[in-house]
């Protein structure tokens, strides 16, 4: 229940890094893979919600 009210705080550096890598993958001709990559990293980051005291920032 508490996890629903909490939120991962993504740093600008983290979101920029994910976007830069996704852009690189797209430039190499794999736009679908690029979207999947970014989605999986964000999903992975959100999976830390059960541990808010240990991993508050991504």
N, C-alpha and C. Protein backbone atom coordinates (compact mmCIF):
# COMPACT_ATOMS: atom_id res chain seq x y z
N UNK A 1 0.82 -1.19 0.00
CA UNK A 1 0.00 0.00 0.00
C UNK A 1 0.87 1.26 0.00
N UNK A 2 1.95 1.26 0.77
CA UNK A 2 2.81 2.44 0.83
C UNK A 2 3.52 2.69 -0.49
N UNK A 3 3.80 1.65 -1.25
CA UNK A 3 4.51 1.81 -2.51
C UNK A 3 3.70 2.63 -3.51
N UNK A 4 2.40 2.62 -3.39
CA UNK A 4 1.57 3.37 -4.32
C UNK A 4 1.73 4.88 -4.16
N UNK A 5 2.09 5.33 -2.96
CA UNK A 5 2.23 6.77 -2.73
C UNK A 5 3.66 7.24 -2.94
N UNK A 6 4.60 6.33 -3.07
CA UNK A 6 5.99 6.70 -3.26
C UNK A 6 6.33 6.73 -4.74
N UNK A 7 7.42 7.42 -5.05
CA UNK A 7 7.81 7.60 -6.45
C UNK A 7 9.33 7.61 -6.56
N UNK A 8 9.84 7.02 -7.62
CA UNK A 8 11.27 7.07 -7.89
C UNK A 8 11.59 8.46 -8.41
N UNK A 9 12.65 9.05 -7.91
CA UNK A 9 13.09 10.36 -8.38
C UNK A 9 14.24 10.16 -9.37
N UNK A 10 13.94 10.30 -10.65
CA UNK A 10 14.95 10.12 -11.69
C UNK A 10 15.78 11.40 -11.79
N UNK A 11 17.09 11.25 -11.74
CA UNK A 11 17.97 12.41 -11.90
C UNK A 11 18.02 12.79 -13.38
N UNK A 12 18.39 14.03 -13.63
CA UNK A 12 18.52 14.48 -15.02
C UNK A 12 19.59 13.67 -15.74
N UNK A 13 20.66 13.35 -15.04
CA UNK A 13 21.76 12.59 -15.64
C UNK A 13 21.28 11.19 -16.05
N UNK A 14 20.47 10.55 -15.21
CA UNK A 14 19.98 9.21 -15.52
C UNK A 14 19.07 9.23 -16.74
N UNK A 15 18.13 10.16 -16.77
CA UNK A 15 17.22 10.22 -17.92
C UNK A 15 17.95 10.60 -19.20
N UNK A 16 18.94 11.48 -19.09
CA UNK A 16 19.72 11.86 -20.27
C UNK A 16 20.54 10.68 -20.77
N UNK A 17 21.12 9.93 -19.86
CA UNK A 17 21.92 8.76 -20.26
C UNK A 17 21.06 7.73 -20.98
N UNK A 18 19.89 7.46 -20.43
CA UNK A 18 18.98 6.51 -21.08
C UNK A 18 18.58 7.02 -22.46
N UNK A 19 18.24 8.29 -22.55
CA UNK A 19 17.85 8.87 -23.84
C UNK A 19 19.00 8.84 -24.84
N UNK A 20 20.21 9.14 -24.39
CA UNK A 20 21.37 9.13 -25.30
C UNK A 20 21.63 7.73 -25.85
N UNK A 21 21.56 6.73 -24.99
CA UNK A 21 21.79 5.36 -25.45
C UNK A 21 20.66 4.93 -26.39
N UNK A 22 19.43 5.28 -26.05
CA UNK A 22 18.29 4.94 -26.90
C UNK A 22 18.43 5.62 -28.27
N UNK A 23 18.88 6.86 -28.28
CA UNK A 23 19.11 7.56 -29.55
C UNK A 23 20.18 6.86 -30.38
N UNK A 24 21.23 6.41 -29.74
CA UNK A 24 22.30 5.70 -30.44
C UNK A 24 21.76 4.41 -31.07
N UNK A 25 20.96 3.67 -30.32
CA UNK A 25 20.38 2.43 -30.84
C UNK A 25 19.48 2.74 -32.04
N UNK A 26 18.71 3.82 -31.95
CA UNK A 26 17.84 4.23 -33.05
C UNK A 26 18.67 4.59 -34.28
N UNK A 27 19.76 5.33 -34.08
CA UNK A 27 20.63 5.71 -35.20
C UNK A 27 21.22 4.51 -35.90
N UNK A 28 21.43 3.43 -35.17
CA UNK A 28 21.98 2.21 -35.77
C UNK A 28 20.92 1.41 -36.52
N UNK A 29 19.67 1.91 -36.50
CA UNK A 29 18.63 1.28 -37.30
C UNK A 29 17.70 0.35 -36.54
N UNK A 30 17.63 0.49 -35.23
CA UNK A 30 16.78 -0.39 -34.44
C UNK A 30 15.85 0.41 -33.52
N UNK A 31 14.90 1.16 -34.08
CA UNK A 31 14.04 2.00 -33.24
C UNK A 31 13.15 1.21 -32.27
N UNK A 32 12.70 0.02 -32.67
CA UNK A 32 11.87 -0.78 -31.77
C UNK A 32 12.69 -1.25 -30.57
N UNK A 33 13.92 -1.66 -30.84
CA UNK A 33 14.81 -2.10 -29.77
C UNK A 33 15.13 -0.94 -28.84
N UNK A 34 15.28 0.23 -29.39
CA UNK A 34 15.57 1.42 -28.61
C UNK A 34 14.45 1.70 -27.60
N UNK A 35 13.21 1.63 -28.06
CA UNK A 35 12.07 1.87 -27.16
C UNK A 35 11.99 0.80 -26.09
N UNK A 36 12.20 -0.46 -26.48
CA UNK A 36 12.17 -1.55 -25.50
C UNK A 36 13.26 -1.37 -24.45
N UNK A 37 14.44 -0.96 -24.89
CA UNK A 37 15.56 -0.75 -23.98
C UNK A 37 15.21 0.31 -22.93
N UNK A 38 14.72 1.45 -23.38
CA UNK A 38 14.38 2.53 -22.47
C UNK A 38 13.26 2.10 -21.52
N UNK A 39 12.24 1.45 -22.04
CA UNK A 39 11.13 1.00 -21.20
C UNK A 39 11.61 0.02 -20.13
N UNK A 40 12.49 -0.89 -20.51
CA UNK A 40 12.99 -1.88 -19.55
C UNK A 40 13.83 -1.22 -18.46
N UNK A 41 14.62 -0.23 -18.80
CA UNK A 41 15.42 0.45 -17.77
C UNK A 41 14.54 1.23 -16.80
N UNK A 42 13.53 1.89 -17.33
CA UNK A 42 12.61 2.61 -16.44
C UNK A 42 11.82 1.63 -15.56
N UNK A 43 11.41 0.51 -16.12
CA UNK A 43 10.72 -0.52 -15.34
C UNK A 43 11.63 -1.06 -14.25
N UNK A 44 12.89 -1.29 -14.60
CA UNK A 44 13.87 -1.76 -13.62
C UNK A 44 14.02 -0.75 -12.48
N UNK A 45 14.14 0.52 -12.82
CA UNK A 45 14.27 1.55 -11.79
C UNK A 45 13.06 1.61 -10.88
N UNK A 46 11.88 1.48 -11.47
CA UNK A 46 10.65 1.52 -10.68
C UNK A 46 10.54 0.30 -9.77
N UNK A 47 11.23 -0.79 -10.11
CA UNK A 47 11.16 -2.00 -9.29
C UNK A 47 11.83 -1.81 -7.92
N UNK A 48 12.55 -0.70 -7.73
CA UNK A 48 13.18 -0.44 -6.44
C UNK A 48 12.23 0.19 -5.43
N UNK A 49 10.98 0.43 -5.80
CA UNK A 49 10.03 1.04 -4.87
C UNK A 49 9.87 0.27 -3.56
N UNK A 50 9.94 -1.06 -3.55
CA UNK A 50 9.83 -1.74 -2.26
C UNK A 50 10.99 -1.44 -1.30
N UNK A 51 12.05 -0.80 -1.78
CA UNK A 51 13.22 -0.50 -0.97
C UNK A 51 13.49 1.00 -0.94
N UNK A 52 12.53 1.83 -0.56
CA UNK A 52 12.71 3.29 -0.68
C UNK A 52 13.83 3.85 0.18
N UNK A 53 14.14 3.23 1.30
CA UNK A 53 15.18 3.76 2.15
C UNK A 53 16.57 3.44 1.63
N UNK A 54 16.67 2.42 0.79
CA UNK A 54 17.97 2.01 0.26
C UNK A 54 18.28 2.65 -1.09
N UNK A 55 17.27 2.81 -1.93
CA UNK A 55 17.49 3.28 -3.30
C UNK A 55 16.51 4.39 -3.66
N UNK A 56 16.59 5.56 -3.05
CA UNK A 56 15.60 6.60 -3.35
C UNK A 56 15.81 7.30 -4.68
N UNK A 57 17.01 7.30 -5.21
CA UNK A 57 17.31 7.98 -6.47
C UNK A 57 17.83 7.02 -7.51
N UNK A 58 17.50 7.28 -8.75
CA UNK A 58 18.06 6.51 -9.87
C UNK A 58 18.78 7.46 -10.78
